[in-house]
Amino acid sequence: MKKIVEKIMRKAVYCVTLSIVCVGLFVGWLACLCLNEPDIEYEE
């Protein structure tokens, strides 16, 4: 029983870490888009 719980916990930690990384990348990408937009408008 303990081994099953350990496996689930490891999978949960892996999934949560992956989610945080994905959200971090998405937020970073959005921030880059928002920061780059004024530059494009300024050049036109």
N, C-alpha and C. Protein backbone atom coordinates (compact mmCIF):
# COMPACT_ATOMS: atom_id res chain seq x y z
N MET A 1 0.83 -1.21 0.00
CA MET A 1 0.00 0.00 0.00
C MET A 1 0.87 1.26 0.00
N LYS A 2 1.92 1.27 0.80
CA LYS A 2 2.80 2.44 0.87
C LYS A 2 3.46 2.71 -0.47
N LYS A 3 3.86 1.65 -1.17
CA LYS A 3 4.54 1.83 -2.45
C LYS A 3 3.61 2.48 -3.48
N ILE A 4 2.34 2.11 -3.46
CA ILE A 4 1.36 2.68 -4.40
C ILE A 4 1.21 4.19 -4.11
N VAL A 5 1.09 4.53 -2.83
CA VAL A 5 0.95 5.94 -2.45
C VAL A 5 2.19 6.71 -2.89
N GLU A 6 3.37 6.10 -2.71
CA GLU A 6 4.62 6.75 -3.10
C GLU A 6 4.65 7.01 -4.59
N LYS A 7 4.18 6.03 -5.37
CA LYS A 7 4.14 6.19 -6.84
C LYS A 7 3.21 7.32 -7.23
N ILE A 8 2.03 7.37 -6.61
CA ILE A 8 1.05 8.43 -6.92
C ILE A 8 1.62 9.79 -6.54
N MET A 9 2.28 9.87 -5.38
CA MET A 9 2.86 11.14 -4.93
C MET A 9 3.93 11.60 -5.91
N ARG A 10 4.76 10.67 -6.38
CA ARG A 10 5.82 11.03 -7.33
C ARG A 10 5.22 11.54 -8.63
N LYS A 11 4.16 10.87 -9.08
CA LYS A 11 3.48 11.30 -10.31
C LYS A 11 2.83 12.66 -10.11
N ALA A 12 2.23 12.87 -8.95
CA ALA A 12 1.58 14.16 -8.65
C ALA A 12 2.61 15.29 -8.64
N VAL A 13 3.75 15.06 -7.99
CA VAL A 13 4.81 16.07 -7.94
C VAL A 13 5.30 16.37 -9.34
N TYR A 14 5.47 15.32 -10.16
CA TYR A 14 5.93 15.50 -11.54
C TYR A 14 4.92 16.31 -12.34
N CYS A 15 3.64 15.99 -12.19
CA CYS A 15 2.58 16.70 -12.93
C CYS A 15 2.50 18.16 -12.50
N VAL A 16 2.58 18.40 -11.18
CA VAL A 16 2.50 19.77 -10.67
C VAL A 16 3.70 20.58 -11.17
N THR A 17 4.89 19.97 -11.12
CA THR A 17 6.09 20.66 -11.60
C THR A 17 5.95 21.01 -13.07
N LEU A 18 5.46 20.04 -13.85
CA LEU A 18 5.26 20.26 -15.29
C LEU A 18 4.26 21.38 -15.52
N SER A 19 3.19 21.40 -14.72
CA SER A 19 2.17 22.44 -14.86
C SER A 19 2.75 23.82 -14.56
N ILE A 20 3.55 23.90 -13.49
CA ILE A 20 4.15 25.18 -13.11
C ILE A 20 5.08 25.66 -14.22
N VAL A 21 5.86 24.75 -14.79
CA VAL A 21 6.78 25.11 -15.88
C VAL A 21 5.99 25.60 -17.08
N CYS A 22 4.91 24.88 -17.43
CA CYS A 22 4.08 25.28 -18.59
C CYS A 22 3.44 26.64 -18.36
N VAL A 23 2.89 26.86 -17.17
CA VAL A 23 2.25 28.14 -16.86
C VAL A 23 3.31 29.25 -16.88
N GLY A 24 4.50 28.96 -16.34
CA GLY A 24 5.57 29.95 -16.33
C GLY A 24 5.98 30.34 -17.73
N LEU A 25 6.10 29.34 -18.62
CA LEU A 25 6.46 29.61 -20.02
C LEU A 25 5.36 30.43 -20.70
N PHE A 26 4.10 30.07 -20.45
CA PHE A 26 2.97 30.77 -21.06
C PHE A 26 2.92 32.22 -20.59
N VAL A 27 3.10 32.44 -19.27
CA VAL A 27 3.08 33.80 -18.73
C VAL A 27 4.26 34.60 -19.30
N GLY A 28 5.43 33.95 -19.40
CA GLY A 28 6.59 34.63 -19.96
C GLY A 28 6.36 35.01 -21.41
N TRP A 29 5.73 34.11 -22.17
CA TRP A 29 5.42 34.36 -23.58
C TRP A 29 4.43 35.52 -23.71
N LEU A 30 3.41 35.52 -22.85
CA LEU A 30 2.43 36.62 -22.85
C LEU A 30 3.09 37.93 -22.50
N ALA A 31 3.96 37.91 -21.50
CA ALA A 31 4.67 39.13 -21.09
C ALA A 31 5.52 39.65 -22.24
N CYS A 32 6.19 38.74 -22.96
CA CYS A 32 7.02 39.15 -24.10
C CYS A 32 6.14 39.80 -25.17
N LEU A 33 4.99 39.21 -25.44
CA LEU A 33 4.08 39.77 -26.44
C LEU A 33 3.62 41.17 -26.02
N CYS A 34 3.24 41.30 -24.75
CA CYS A 34 2.75 42.59 -24.25
C CYS A 34 3.85 43.64 -24.28
N LEU A 35 5.07 43.24 -23.95
CA LEU A 35 6.18 44.20 -23.93
C LEU A 35 6.64 44.56 -25.33
N ASN A 36 6.52 43.63 -26.27
CA ASN A 36 6.98 43.89 -27.63
C ASN A 36 5.96 44.67 -28.46
N GLU A 37 4.70 44.63 -28.07
CA GLU A 37 3.65 45.30 -28.85
C GLU A 37 3.89 46.81 -29.00
N PRO A 38 4.17 47.55 -27.92
CA PRO A 38 4.39 48.99 -28.07
C PRO A 38 5.55 49.31 -29.02
N ASP A 39 6.59 48.46 -29.04
CA ASP A 39 7.72 48.68 -29.93
C ASP A 39 7.27 48.61 -31.39
N ILE A 40 6.41 47.64 -31.69
CA ILE A 40 5.93 47.48 -33.06
C ILE A 40 5.08 48.70 -33.45
N GLU A 41 4.21 49.16 -32.54
CA GLU A 41 3.37 50.33 -32.81
C GLU A 41 4.23 51.58 -32.98
N TYR A 42 5.28 51.68 -32.19
CA TYR A 42 6.15 52.85 -32.23
C TYR A 42 6.90 52.95 -33.56
N GLU A 43 7.30 51.78 -34.11
CA GLU A 43 8.06 51.76 -35.36
C GLU A 43 7.20 52.17 -36.55
N GLU A 44 5.90 51.86 -36.51
CA GLU A 44 5.04 52.14 -37.66
C GLU A 44 4.84 53.63 -37.91
